């Protein structure tokens, strides 16, 4: 049985002929039957009106992916548009205005770097301090004079050494020594009730072994002419130190204005002198070996200049042992004129070796 006969059989079974119908002698064509089945059914009634109902709300799912998809598509579209605007050679297509971007200028201010000049230190040895200062000023260098600033002094040493390359403005330290002429200035004439005494200071030594010193004049009150008065005024003048003019010609001393009031008292009995000092007597370097020798030599040469003194004993605030303790010694020490003269002889011998 072919397909057409099968269809016809099914159609006959689905639509049996009524009992009172006349028999049909000839079977209709299968294609005709199929054609009839495809015809739309004619409506015999009025069509039913169906009221519209609001559509149920849709659940908005996949919103994030959808936005991402739209963004991707938009970006792709922009990329394609940009590609279309540019030719294969990289030139902008005709009719499309070029895009111009103007950036603000960038200004960078660098700090100013000052590089000092390098100069050579001149040789200052043997020159006066005034000449040394002029040479250093010409080279663009500074000067520091030790132990004192005296234009007439002679430069004995310097640091940095001659020929060393240094930056401009470097300080050159010079060790100077006053010209030791030992010619003190002429004293003024004493007035009524005044006398001239001599105070002895060191001059021209080698800073190691003391000498007998050289006398400089001082005008002091006459005070009746007693020996103790002369001795006391000698000590007070010594403790007051040197004048600038005296230092300028080479005199040196451990004493200055800071020690001017260091004397408490001075007494003389049977040739024995007792001198009492206070805290103002303490000076720099008095505890060093060289400083101690120079310190005591200045005191001894001035008290033994007076022939009335046979020996001397120094006290510190009334205590001779306290004086010795300042120099790391024990007990009380009495120095005689003979001791002083022996010390001078030994120092001269050491100096002349």
C-alpha atoms as a PDB file:
ATOM      1  CA  UNK A   1       0.000   0.000   0.000  1.00  0.00           C
ATOM      2  CA  UNK A   2       1.374   3.320  -1.032  1.00  0.00           C
ATOM      3  CA  UNK A   3       1.200   6.557   0.877  1.00  0.00           C
ATOM      4  CA  UNK A   4      -1.809   7.897  -0.981  1.00  0.00           C
ATOM      5  CA  UNK A   5      -3.878   4.769  -0.319  1.00  0.00           C
ATOM      6  CA  UNK A   6      -2.894   4.895   3.303  1.00  0.00           C
ATOM      7  CA  UNK A   7      -4.042   8.492   3.611  1.00  0.00           C
ATOM      8  CA  UNK A   8      -7.308   7.693   1.926  1.00  0.00           C
ATOM      9  CA  UNK A   9      -7.938   4.802   4.292  1.00  0.00           C
ATOM     10  CA  UNK A  10      -7.338   6.982   7.302  1.00  0.00           C
ATOM     11  CA  UNK A  11      -9.592   9.692   5.948  1.00  0.00           C
ATOM     12  CA  UNK A  12     -12.424   7.157   5.311  1.00  0.00           C
ATOM     13  CA  UNK A  13     -12.145   5.757   8.788  1.00  0.00           C
ATOM     14  CA  UNK A  14     -12.289   9.212  10.309  1.00  0.00           C
ATOM     15  CA  UNK A  15     -15.308  10.307   8.253  1.00  0.00           C
ATOM     16  CA  UNK A  16     -17.691   7.285   7.692  1.00  0.00           C
ATOM     17  CA  UNK A  17     -20.506   7.783   5.238  1.00  0.00           C
ATOM     18  CA  UNK A  18     -24.044   8.181   6.725  1.00  0.00           C
ATOM     19  CA  UNK A  19     -26.374   5.209   6.497  1.00  0.00           C
ATOM     20  CA  UNK A  20     -28.893   6.852   4.216  1.00  0.00           C
ATOM     21  CA  UNK A  21     -26.287   8.184   1.848  1.00  0.00           C
ATOM     22  CA  UNK A  22     -26.155   6.811  -1.635  1.00  0.00           C
ATOM     23  CA  UNK A  23     -23.217   4.672  -2.411  1.00  0.00           C
ATOM     24  CA  UNK A  24     -20.499   6.214  -4.369  1.00  0.00           C
ATOM     25  CA  UNK A  25     -19.384   4.189  -7.191  1.00  0.00           C
ATOM     26  CA  UNK A  26     -16.070   5.992  -7.721  1.00  0.00           C
ATOM     27  CA  UNK A  27     -13.466   6.984  -5.137  1.00  0.00           C
ATOM     28  CA  UNK A  28     -12.314  10.615  -5.221  1.00  0.00           C
ATOM     29  CA  UNK A  29      -8.727  11.414  -6.047  1.00  0.00           C
ATOM     30  CA  UNK A  30      -6.436  11.542  -3.003  1.00  0.00           C
ATOM     31  CA  UNK A  31      -4.866  14.837  -4.062  1.00  0.00           C
ATOM     32  CA  UNK A  32      -8.353  16.351  -4.269  1.00  0.00           C
ATOM     33  CA  UNK A  33      -9.094  15.207  -0.741  1.00  0.00           C
ATOM     34  CA  UNK A  34      -5.863  16.678   0.576  1.00  0.00           C
ATOM     35  CA  UNK A  35      -6.580  19.959  -1.199  1.00  0.00           C
ATOM     36  CA  UNK A  36      -9.966  20.132   0.397  1.00  0.00           C
ATOM     37  CA  UNK A  37      -8.462  19.521   3.836  1.00  0.00           C
ATOM     38  CA  UNK A  38      -6.155  22.484   3.415  1.00  0.00           C
ATOM     39  CA  UNK A  39      -8.972  24.971   2.772  1.00  0.00           C
ATOM     40  CA  UNK A  40      -9.782  27.240   5.720  1.00  0.00           C
ATOM     41  CA  UNK A  41     -12.943  26.507   7.583  1.00  0.00           C
ATOM     42  CA  UNK A  42     -15.653  29.065   6.974  1.00  0.00           C
ATOM     43  CA  UNK A  43     -17.057  30.645  10.093  1.00  0.00           C
ATOM     44  CA  UNK A  44     -20.805  30.380  10.445  1.00  0.00           C
ATOM     45  CA  UNK A  45     -20.919  32.479  13.626  1.00  0.00           C
ATOM     46  CA  UNK A  46     -19.824  35.953  14.709  1.00  0.00           C
ATOM     47  CA  UNK A  47     -16.246  35.934  15.952  1.00  0.00           C
ATOM     48  CA  UNK A  48     -15.880  36.077  19.690  1.00  0.00           C
ATOM     49  CA  UNK A  49     -14.320  39.211  21.054  1.00  0.00           C
ATOM     50  CA  UNK A  50     -11.476  38.546  23.490  1.00  0.00           C
ATOM     51  CA  UNK A  51     -10.641  41.329  25.889  1.00  0.00           C
ATOM     52  CA  UNK A  52      -7.005  42.229  25.997  1.00  0.00           C
ATOM     53  CA  UNK A  53      -5.245  41.443  29.242  1.00  0.00           C
ATOM     54  CA  UNK A  54      -2.144  43.197  30.530  1.00  0.00           C
ATOM     55  CA  UNK A  55       0.936  41.213  29.870  1.00  0.00           C
ATOM     56  CA  UNK A  56       2.470  39.653  32.970  1.00  0.00           C
ATOM     57  CA  UNK A  57       5.605  41.381  34.137  1.00  0.00           C
ATOM     58  CA  UNK A  58       8.833  39.881  32.873  1.00  0.00           C
ATOM     59  CA  UNK A  59      11.617  39.033  35.211  1.00  0.00           C
ATOM     60  CA  UNK A  60      14.678  41.142  34.318  1.00  0.00           C
ATOM     61  CA  UNK A  61      17.305  38.521  34.430  1.00  0.00           C
ATOM     62  CA  UNK A  62      20.868  38.711  33.051  1.00  0.00           C
ATOM     63  CA  UNK A  63      20.910  42.489  33.382  1.00  0.00           C
ATOM     64  CA  UNK A  64      24.643  42.652  34.147  1.00  0.00           C
ATOM     65  CA  UNK A  65      25.671  40.478  31.215  1.00  0.00           C
ATOM     66  CA  UNK A  66      23.364  42.413  28.960  1.00  0.00           C
ATOM     67  CA  UNK A  67      24.945  45.733  29.902  1.00  0.00           C
ATOM     68  CA  UNK A  68      28.387  44.241  29.396  1.00  0.00           C
ATOM     69  CA  UNK A  69      27.324  42.951  26.002  1.00  0.00           C
ATOM     70  CA  UNK A  70      26.000  46.387  25.013  1.00  0.00           C
ATOM     71  CA  UNK A  71      29.216  48.052  26.230  1.00  0.00           C
ATOM     72  CA  UNK A  72      31.300  45.588  24.253  1.00  0.00           C
ATOM     73  CA  UNK A  73      29.270  46.141  21.131  1.00  0.00           C
ATOM     74  CA  UNK A  74      29.525  49.943  21.589  1.00  0.00           C
ATOM     75  CA  UNK A  75      33.287  49.790  22.020  1.00  0.00           C
ATOM     76  CA  UNK A  76      33.606  47.589  18.986  1.00  0.00           C
ATOM     77  CA  UNK A  77      31.535  50.042  16.979  1.00  0.00           C
ATOM     78  CA  UNK A  78      33.752  52.939  18.053  1.00  0.00           C
ATOM     79  CA  UNK A  79      36.859  50.972  17.140  1.00  0.00           C
ATOM     80  CA  UNK A  80      35.499  50.160  13.705  1.00  0.00           C
ATOM     81  CA  UNK A  81      34.547  53.807  13.183  1.00  0.00           C
ATOM     82  CA  UNK A  82      38.061  54.946  14.113  1.00  0.00           C
ATOM     83  CA  UNK A  83      39.549  52.366  11.780  1.00  0.00           C
ATOM     84  CA  UNK A  84      37.356  53.565   8.948  1.00  0.00           C
ATOM     85  CA  UNK A  85      38.459  57.171   9.515  1.00  0.00           C
ATOM     86  CA  UNK A  86      42.116  56.293   9.040  1.00  0.00           C
ATOM     87  CA  UNK A  87      43.550  55.087   5.731  1.00  0.00           C
ATOM     88  CA  UNK A  88      45.998  52.271   5.344  1.00  0.00           C
ATOM     89  CA  UNK A  89      48.929  54.716   5.397  1.00  0.00           C
ATOM     90  CA  UNK A  90      47.880  56.121   8.747  1.00  0.00           C
ATOM     91  CA  UNK A  91      46.490  59.364   7.222  1.00  0.00           C
ATOM     92  CA  UNK A  92      43.189  60.816   8.315  1.00  0.00           C
ATOM     93  CA  UNK A  93      40.463  60.359   5.707  1.00  0.00           C
ATOM     94  CA  UNK A  94      39.311  63.364   3.783  1.00  0.00           C
ATOM     95  CA  UNK A  95      36.556  65.395   5.336  1.00  0.00           C
ATOM     96  CA  UNK A  96      37.395  64.281   8.868  1.00  0.00           C
ATOM     97  CA  UNK A  97      38.869  67.113  10.979  1.00  0.00           C
ATOM     98  CA  UNK A  98      42.131  66.197  12.777  1.00  0.00           C
ATOM     99  CA  UNK A  99      42.078  65.882  16.535  1.00  0.00           C
ATOM    100  CA  UNK A 100      44.517  68.338  18.161  1.00  0.00           C
ATOM    101  CA  UNK A 101      45.572  67.969  21.809  1.00  0.00           C
ATOM    102  CA  UNK A 102      47.395  70.879  23.491  1.00  0.00           C
ATOM    103  CA  UNK A 103      49.248  70.070  26.747  1.00  0.00           C
ATOM    104  CA  UNK A 104      50.233  72.821  29.178  1.00  0.00           C
ATOM    105  CA  UNK A 105      53.992  73.573  29.245  1.00  0.00           C
ATOM    106  CA  UNK A 106      55.962  71.899  32.027  1.00  0.00           C
ATOM    107  CA  UNK A 107      58.376  74.208  33.857  1.00  0.00           C
ATOM    108  CA  UNK A 108      61.041  72.725  36.137  1.00  0.00           C
ATOM    109  CA  UNK A 109      63.059  75.021  38.400  1.00  0.00           C
ATOM    110  CA  UNK A 110      66.338  73.526  39.596  1.00  0.00           C
ATOM    111  CA  UNK A 111      68.112  74.930  42.684  1.00  0.00           C
ATOM    112  CA  UNK A 112      71.146  77.007  41.947  1.00  0.00           C
ATOM    113  CA  UNK A 113      74.310  75.117  42.825  1.00  0.00           C
ATOM    114  CA  UNK A 114      77.291  77.259  43.765  1.00  0.00           C
ATOM    115  CA  UNK A 115      80.608  75.461  43.313  1.00  0.00           C
ATOM    116  CA  UNK A 116      83.376  77.142  45.352  1.00  0.00           C
ATOM    117  CA  UNK A 117      86.632  77.965  43.653  1.00  0.00           C
ATOM    118  CA  UNK A 118      89.707  75.949  44.566  1.00  0.00           C
ATOM    119  CA  UNK A 119      92.752  78.004  45.548  1.00  0.00           C
ATOM    120  CA  UNK A 120      96.277  77.257  46.741  1.00  0.00           C
ATOM    121  CA  UNK A 121      97.270  78.256  50.280  1.00  0.00           C
ATOM    122  CA  UNK A 122     100.188  80.751  50.156  1.00  0.00           C
ATOM    123  CA  UNK A 123     103.316  80.399  52.263  1.00  0.00           C
ATOM    124  CA  UNK A 124     103.009  82.737  55.277  1.00  0.00           C
ATOM    125  CA  UNK A 125     106.074  81.676  57.278  1.00  0.00           C
ATOM    126  CA  UNK A 126     108.177  84.577  58.526  1.00  0.00           C
ATOM    127  CA  UNK A 127     105.714  87.223  57.453  1.00  0.00           C
ATOM    128  CA  UNK A 128     104.046  89.682  59.773  1.00  0.00           C
ATOM    129  CA  UNK A 129     100.432  89.016  60.609  1.00  0.00           C
ATOM    130  CA  UNK A 130      99.415  92.122  58.647  1.00  0.00           C
ATOM    131  CA  UNK A 131     101.171  90.835  55.504  1.00  0.00           C
ATOM    132  CA  UNK A 132      99.785  87.323  55.980  1.00  0.00           C
ATOM    133  CA  UNK A 133      96.253  88.705  56.277  1.00  0.00           C
ATOM    134  CA  UNK A 134      96.673  90.669  53.035  1.00  0.00           C
ATOM    135  CA  UNK A 135      97.927  87.599  51.138  1.00  0.00           C
ATOM    136  CA  UNK A 136      95.068  85.420  52.335  1.00  0.00           C
ATOM    137  CA  UNK A 137      92.505  88.097  51.540  1.00  0.00           C
ATOM    138  CA  UNK A 138      93.890  88.325  48.003  1.00  0.00           C
ATOM    139  CA  UNK A 139      93.559  84.530  47.638  1.00  0.00           C
ATOM    140  CA  UNK A 140      89.980  84.566  48.946  1.00  0.00           C
ATOM    141  CA  UNK A 141      90.835  82.880  52.258  1.00  0.00           C
ATOM    142  CA  UNK A 142      90.119  83.742  55.902  1.00  0.00           C
ATOM    143  CA  UNK A 143      92.636  83.925  58.770  1.00  0.00           C
ATOM    144  CA  UNK A 144      92.629  82.982  62.450  1.00  0.00           C
ATOM    145  CA  UNK A 145      95.659  84.174  64.458  1.00  0.00           C
ATOM    146  CA  UNK A 146      96.716  82.365  67.630  1.00  0.00           C
ATOM    147  CA  UNK A 147      97.445  83.093  70.407  1.00  0.00           C
ATOM    148  CA  UNK A 148      96.582  86.731  69.713  1.00  0.00           C
ATOM    149  CA  UNK A 149      95.754  89.096  66.855  1.00  0.00           C
ATOM    150  CA  UNK A 150      98.776  91.381  66.606  1.00  0.00           C
ATOM    151  CA  UNK A 151      99.650  92.850  63.197  1.00  0.00           C
ATOM    152  CA  UNK A 152     103.320  93.178  64.161  1.00  0.00           C
ATOM    153  CA  UNK A 153     103.633  89.526  65.225  1.00  0.00           C
ATOM    154  CA  UNK A 154     105.542  87.024  63.077  1.00  0.00           C
ATOM    155  CA  UNK A 155     103.906  83.902  61.604  1.00  0.00           C
ATOM    156  CA  UNK A 156     105.698  80.820  62.965  1.00  0.00           C
ATOM    157  CA  UNK A 157     103.422  78.069  61.585  1.00  0.00           C
ATOM    158  CA  UNK A 158     100.214  77.651  59.598  1.00  0.00           C
ATOM    159  CA  UNK A 159      97.456  75.145  58.911  1.00  0.00           C
ATOM    160  CA  UNK A 160      96.682  74.126  56.127  1.00  0.00           C
ATOM    161  CA  UNK A 161     100.271  73.951  54.925  1.00  0.00           C
ATOM    162  CA  UNK A 162     101.556  76.042  51.994  1.00  0.00           C
ATOM    163  CA  UNK A 163     100.527  74.747  48.560  1.00  0.00           C
ATOM    164  CA  UNK A 164      97.500  72.772  49.745  1.00  0.00           C
ATOM    165  CA  UNK A 165      94.445  73.134  47.467  1.00  0.00           C
ATOM    166  CA  UNK A 166      91.396  74.294  49.442  1.00  0.00           C
ATOM    167  CA  UNK A 167      87.980  75.807  48.737  1.00  0.00           C
ATOM    168  CA  UNK A 168      87.672  79.557  48.576  1.00  0.00           C
ATOM    169  CA  UNK A 169      86.670  80.945  51.991  1.00  0.00           C
ATOM    170  CA  UNK A 170      88.618  78.324  53.979  1.00  0.00           C
ATOM    171  CA  UNK A 171      90.004  79.553  57.326  1.00  0.00           C
ATOM    172  CA  UNK A 172      93.795  79.359  57.614  1.00  0.00           C
ATOM    173  CA  UNK A 173      95.029  79.172  61.216  1.00  0.00           C
ATOM    174  CA  UNK A 174      98.397  80.806  61.895  1.00  0.00           C
ATOM    175  CA  UNK A 175     100.587  80.587  64.983  1.00  0.00           C
ATOM    176  CA  UNK A 176     102.166  83.979  65.568  1.00  0.00           C
ATOM    177  CA  UNK A 177     104.739  85.319  67.976  1.00  0.00           C
ATOM    178  CA  UNK A 178     105.316  88.938  68.828  1.00  0.00           C
ATOM    179  CA  UNK A 179     108.631  90.469  67.841  1.00  0.00           C
ATOM    180  CA  UNK A 180     110.747  90.170  70.968  1.00  0.00           C
ATOM    181  CA  UNK A 181     112.469  93.539  71.079  1.00  0.00           C
ATOM    182  CA  UNK A 182     111.911  93.832  74.837  1.00  0.00           C
ATOM    183  CA  UNK A 183     111.807  97.594  74.442  1.00  0.00           C
ATOM    184  CA  UNK A 184     108.955  98.738  76.648  1.00  0.00           C
ATOM    185  CA  UNK A 185     107.271 102.054  75.864  1.00  0.00           C
ATOM    186  CA  UNK A 186     108.437 105.115  77.736  1.00  0.00           C
ATOM    187  CA  UNK A 187     106.442 105.641  80.932  1.00  0.00           C
ATOM    188  CA  UNK A 188     104.461 108.724  81.698  1.00  0.00           C
ATOM    189  CA  UNK A 189     105.836 111.044  84.354  1.00  0.00           C
ATOM    190  CA  UNK A 190     104.488 110.219  87.833  1.00  0.00           C
ATOM    191  CA  UNK A 191     102.270 112.751  89.528  1.00  0.00           C
ATOM    192  CA  UNK A 192     102.329 113.933  93.143  1.00  0.00           C
ATOM    193  CA  UNK A 193     102.333 111.013  95.571  1.00  0.00           C
ATOM    194  CA  UNK A 194     103.258 108.528  92.826  1.00  0.00           C
ATOM    195  CA  UNK A 195     106.382 106.535  92.102  1.00  0.00           C
ATOM    196  CA  UNK A 196     107.623 104.369  89.232  1.00  0.00           C
ATOM    197  CA  UNK A 197     108.278 100.682  89.875  1.00  0.00           C
ATOM    198  CA  UNK A 198     109.439  97.897  87.557  1.00  0.00           C
ATOM    199  CA  UNK A 199     107.367  94.761  86.886  1.00  0.00           C
ATOM    200  CA  UNK A 200     109.158  91.860  85.202  1.00  0.00           C
ATOM    201  CA  UNK A 201     107.609  89.853  82.387  1.00  0.00           C
ATOM    202  CA  UNK A 202     108.979  87.149  80.109  1.00  0.00           C
ATOM    203  CA  UNK A 203     110.370  88.316  76.777  1.00  0.00           C
ATOM    204  CA  UNK A 204     112.075  86.366  74.023  1.00  0.00           C
ATOM    205  CA  UNK A 205     112.283  82.971  75.711  1.00  0.00           C
ATOM    206  CA  UNK A 206     111.685  79.647  73.975  1.00  0.00           C
ATOM    207  CA  UNK A 207     108.412  79.021  75.866  1.00  0.00           C
ATOM    208  CA  UNK A 208     110.100  76.181  77.807  1.00  0.00           C
ATOM    209  CA  UNK A 209     112.860  77.587  79.989  1.00  0.00           C
ATOM    210  CA  UNK A 210     112.128  80.927  81.766  1.00  0.00           C
ATOM    211  CA  UNK A 211     114.514  83.855  81.937  1.00  0.00           C
ATOM    212  CA  UNK A 212     115.102  86.626  84.451  1.00  0.00           C
ATOM    213  CA  UNK A 213     112.667  88.664  82.400  1.00  0.00           C
ATOM    214  CA  UNK A 214     112.628  92.302  81.439  1.00  0.00           C
ATOM    215  CA  UNK A 215     111.191  95.115  83.490  1.00  0.00           C
ATOM    216  CA  UNK A 216     108.382  97.377  82.340  1.00  0.00           C
ATOM    217  CA  UNK A 217     107.529 100.575  84.213  1.00  0.00           C
ATOM    218  CA  UNK A 218     104.401 101.019  86.294  1.00  0.00           C
ATOM    219  CA  UNK A 219     103.231 104.158  88.131  1.00  0.00           C
ATOM    220  CA  UNK A 220     101.866 103.312  91.577  1.00  0.00           C
ATOM    221  CA  UNK A 221     100.995 105.247  94.772  1.00  0.00           C
ATOM    222  CA  UNK A 222     104.002 106.071  96.904  1.00  0.00           C
ATOM    223  CA  UNK A 223     102.471 104.616 100.075  1.00  0.00           C
ATOM    224  CA  UNK A 224     105.178 105.907 102.446  1.00  0.00           C
ATOM    225  CA  UNK A 225     108.018 104.109 100.660  1.00  0.00           C
ATOM    226  CA  UNK A 226     107.870 100.926 102.761  1.00  0.00           C
ATOM    227  CA  UNK A 227     109.255  97.716 101.228  1.00  0.00           C
ATOM    228  CA  UNK A 228     106.024  95.789 101.707  1.00  0.00           C
ATOM    229  CA  UNK A 229     104.132  98.494  99.899  1.00  0.00           C
ATOM    230  CA  UNK A 230     106.469  98.284  96.931  1.00  0.00           C
ATOM    231  CA  UNK A 231     106.198  94.468  96.929  1.00  0.00           C
ATOM    232  CA  UNK A 232     102.432  94.515  97.134  1.00  0.00           C
ATOM    233  CA  UNK A 233     102.138  97.006  94.271  1.00  0.00           C
ATOM    234  CA  UNK A 234     104.564  94.958  92.219  1.00  0.00           C
ATOM    235  CA  UNK A 235     102.400  91.855  92.691  1.00  0.00           C
ATOM    236  CA  UNK A 236      99.180  93.753  91.885  1.00  0.00           C
ATOM    237  CA  UNK A 237     100.745  95.196  88.729  1.00  0.00           C
ATOM    238  CA  UNK A 238     101.978  91.758  87.707  1.00  0.00           C
ATOM    239  CA  UNK A 239      98.538  90.157  88.210  1.00  0.00           C
ATOM    240  CA  UNK A 240      96.926  92.883  86.060  1.00  0.00           C
ATOM    241  CA  UNK A 241      98.938  91.645  83.075  1.00  0.00           C
ATOM    242  CA  UNK A 242     100.415  93.422  80.066  1.00  0.00           C
ATOM    243  CA  UNK A 243      99.204  96.369  78.038  1.00  0.00           C
ATOM    244  CA  UNK A 244      98.578  95.904  74.280  1.00  0.00           C
ATOM    245  CA  UNK A 245     101.705  97.927  73.476  1.00  0.00           C
ATOM    246  CA  UNK A 246     103.828  95.698  75.706  1.00  0.00           C
ATOM    247  CA  UNK A 247     102.484  92.553  74.066  1.00  0.00           C
ATOM    248  CA  UNK A 248     103.153  94.098  70.655  1.00  0.00           C
ATOM    249  CA  UNK A 249     106.912  94.201  71.356  1.00  0.00           C
ATOM    250  CA  UNK A 250     107.083  90.573  72.499  1.00  0.00           C
ATOM    251  CA  UNK A 251     106.317  90.495  76.224  1.00  0.00           C
ATOM    252  CA  UNK A 252     104.292  87.503  77.446  1.00  0.00           C
ATOM    253  CA  UNK A 253     102.531  86.661  80.681  1.00  0.00           C
ATOM    254  CA  UNK A 254     100.213  84.082  82.202  1.00  0.00           C
ATOM    255  CA  UNK A 255      98.276  86.881  83.910  1.00  0.00           C
ATOM    256  CA  UNK A 256      95.710  89.303  82.547  1.00  0.00           C
ATOM    257  CA  UNK A 257      92.632  91.251  83.621  1.00  0.00           C
ATOM    258  CA  UNK A 258      90.965  88.065  84.959  1.00  0.00           C
ATOM    259  CA  UNK A 259      93.669  87.705  87.644  1.00  0.00           C
ATOM    260  CA  UNK A 260      93.911  91.423  88.591  1.00  0.00           C
ATOM    261  CA  UNK A 261      92.124  90.914  91.947  1.00  0.00           C
ATOM    262  CA  UNK A 262      93.745  87.577  92.872  1.00  0.00           C
ATOM    263  CA  UNK A 263      95.893  89.003  95.711  1.00  0.00           C
ATOM    264  CA  UNK A 264      94.468  88.693  99.232  1.00  0.00           C
ATOM    265  CA  UNK A 265      97.488  89.924 101.202  1.00  0.00           C
ATOM    266  CA  UNK A 266     101.279  90.095 101.391  1.00  0.00           C
ATOM    267  CA  UNK A 267     103.307  90.177 104.637  1.00  0.00           C
ATOM    268  CA  UNK A 268     107.064  90.477 105.199  1.00  0.00           C
ATOM    269  CA  UNK A 269     108.834  89.515 108.426  1.00  0.00           C
ATOM    270  CA  UNK A 270     112.593  88.992 108.819  1.00  0.00           C
ATOM    271  CA  UNK A 271     113.046  88.594 105.095  1.00  0.00           C
ATOM    272  CA  UNK A 272     110.355  85.915 104.787  1.00  0.00           C
ATOM    273  CA  UNK A 273     107.486  86.917 102.473  1.00  0.00           C
ATOM    274  CA  UNK A 274     104.088  85.252 102.702  1.00  0.00           C
ATOM    275  CA  UNK A 275     101.701  85.902  99.772  1.00  0.00           C
ATOM    276  CA  UNK A 276      98.060  84.783  99.929  1.00  0.00           C
ATOM    277  CA  UNK A 277      95.905  84.395  96.779  1.00  0.00           C
ATOM    278  CA  UNK A 278      92.254  83.608  96.087  1.00  0.00           C
ATOM    279  CA  UNK A 279      90.436  81.644  93.333  1.00  0.00           C
ATOM    280  CA  UNK A 280      91.162  84.316  90.707  1.00  0.00           C
ATOM    281  CA  UNK A 281      94.802  83.186  90.628  1.00  0.00           C
ATOM    282  CA  UNK A 282      93.863  80.017  88.724  1.00  0.00           C
ATOM    283  CA  UNK A 283      94.891  80.394  85.081  1.00  0.00           C
ATOM    284  CA  UNK A 284      94.912  78.135  82.052  1.00  0.00           C
ATOM    285  CA  UNK A 285      97.753  75.602  81.702  1.00  0.00           C
ATOM    286  CA  UNK A 286      99.042  76.235  85.235  1.00  0.00           C
ATOM    287  CA  UNK A 287      98.866  72.492  85.960  1.00  0.00           C
ATOM    288  CA  UNK A 288     100.910  71.416  82.932  1.00  0.00           C
ATOM    289  CA  UNK A 289     104.652  70.849  83.320  1.00  0.00           C
ATOM    290  CA  UNK A 290     105.662  73.843  81.183  1.00  0.00           C
ATOM    291  CA  UNK A 291     102.807  76.040  82.402  1.00  0.00           C
ATOM    292  CA  UNK A 292     103.654  75.413  86.068  1.00  0.00           C
ATOM    293  CA  UNK A 293     107.316  76.380  85.535  1.00  0.00           C
ATOM    294  CA  UNK A 294     106.432  79.604  83.709  1.00  0.00           C
ATOM    295  CA  UNK A 295     103.732  80.462  86.282  1.00  0.00           C
ATOM    296  CA  UNK A 296     106.035  80.163  89.303  1.00  0.00           C
ATOM    297  CA  UNK A 297     108.914  81.880  87.483  1.00  0.00           C
ATOM    298  CA  UNK A 298     106.811  85.036  86.952  1.00  0.00           C
ATOM    299  CA  UNK A 299     105.976  85.215  90.655  1.00  0.00           C
ATOM    300  CA  UNK A 300     109.518  84.498  91.854  1.00  0.00           C
ATOM    301  CA  UNK A 301     111.326  86.962  89.580  1.00  0.00           C
ATOM    302  CA  UNK A 302     109.086  89.802  90.821  1.00  0.00           C
ATOM    303  CA  UNK A 303     109.310  89.112  94.563  1.00  0.00           C
ATOM    304  CA  UNK A 304     113.083  88.437  94.514  1.00  0.00           C
ATOM    305  CA  UNK A 305     113.684  91.651  92.603  1.00  0.00           C
ATOM    306  CA  UNK A 306     113.216  93.338  95.985  1.00  0.00           C
ATOM    307  CA  UNK A 307     116.412  92.871  98.057  1.00  0.00           C
ATOM    308  CA  UNK A 308     114.423  92.749 101.297  1.00  0.00           C
ATOM    309  CA  UNK A 309     113.012  89.298 100.384  1.00  0.00           C
ATOM    310  CA  UNK A 310     115.089  86.230 101.326  1.00  0.00           C
ATOM    311  CA  UNK A 311     112.364  83.586 100.874  1.00  0.00           C
ATOM    312  CA  UNK A 312     108.723  83.335  99.815  1.00  0.00           C
ATOM    313  CA  UNK A 313     105.821  81.054 100.664  1.00  0.00           C
ATOM    314  CA  UNK A 314     102.565  81.111  98.662  1.00  0.00           C
ATOM    315  CA  UNK A 315      99.160  80.370 100.202  1.00  0.00           C
ATOM    316  CA  UNK A 316      95.752  79.684  98.724  1.00  0.00           C
ATOM    317  CA  UNK A 317      93.055  81.310 100.851  1.00  0.00           C
ATOM    318  CA  UNK A 318      95.362  81.226 103.896  1.00  0.00           C
ATOM    319  CA  UNK A 319      96.573  77.624 103.441  1.00  0.00           C
ATOM    320  CA  UNK A 320     100.050  76.801 102.083  1.00  0.00           C
ATOM    321  CA  UNK A 321      99.196  73.081 101.717  1.00  0.00           C
ATOM    322  CA  UNK A 322      96.192  74.020  99.543  1.00  0.00           C
ATOM    323  CA  UNK A 323      98.548  75.928  97.269  1.00  0.00           C
ATOM    324  CA  UNK A 324     100.792  72.879  96.868  1.00  0.00           C
ATOM    325  CA  UNK A 325      97.754  70.671  96.234  1.00  0.00           C
ATOM    326  CA  UNK A 326      96.841  72.762  93.181  1.00  0.00           C
ATOM    327  CA  UNK A 327     100.137  71.580  91.654  1.00  0.00           C
ATOM    328  CA  UNK A 328      99.756  67.984  92.825  1.00  0.00           C
ATOM    329  CA  UNK A 329     102.262  68.378  95.627  1.00  0.00           C
ATOM    330  CA  UNK A 330     102.092  67.895  99.390  1.00  0.00           C
ATOM    331  CA  UNK A 331     102.874  70.167 102.367  1.00  0.00           C
ATOM    332  CA  UNK A 332     104.043  73.756 102.358  1.00  0.00           C
ATOM    333  CA  UNK A 333     106.873  74.825 100.094  1.00  0.00           C
ATOM    334  CA  UNK A 334     109.236  77.670 100.842  1.00  0.00           C
ATOM    335  CA  UNK A 335     111.471  78.955  97.996  1.00  0.00           C
ATOM    336  CA  UNK A 336     114.649  80.811  98.945  1.00  0.00           C
ATOM    337  CA  UNK A 337     116.565  83.347  96.901  1.00  0.00           C
ATOM    338  CA  UNK A 338     119.340  80.761  96.494  1.00  0.00           C
ATOM    339  CA  UNK A 339     116.773  78.292  95.057  1.00  0.00           C
ATOM    340  CA  UNK A 340     115.604  80.910  92.595  1.00  0.00           C
ATOM    341  CA  UNK A 341     119.119  81.730  91.415  1.00  0.00           C
ATOM    342  CA  UNK A 342     119.898  78.038  90.933  1.00  0.00           C
ATOM    343  CA  UNK A 343     116.761  77.606  88.840  1.00  0.00           C
ATOM    344  CA  UNK A 344     117.773  80.502  86.593  1.00  0.00           C
ATOM    345  CA  UNK A 345     121.238  79.002  86.077  1.00  0.00           C
ATOM    346  CA  UNK A 346     119.806  75.611  85.131  1.00  0.00           C
ATOM    347  CA  UNK A 347     117.311  77.132  82.716  1.00  0.00           C
ATOM    348  CA  UNK A 348     120.045  79.145  81.002  1.00  0.00           C
ATOM    349  CA  UNK A 349     122.139  76.006  80.644  1.00  0.00           C
ATOM    350  CA  UNK A 350     119.226  74.045  79.158  1.00  0.00           C
ATOM    351  CA  UNK A 351     118.371  76.863  76.800  1.00  0.00           C
ATOM    352  CA  UNK A 352     121.933  77.150  75.495  1.00  0.00           C
ATOM    353  CA  UNK A 353     122.450  73.447  74.810  1.00  0.00           C
END
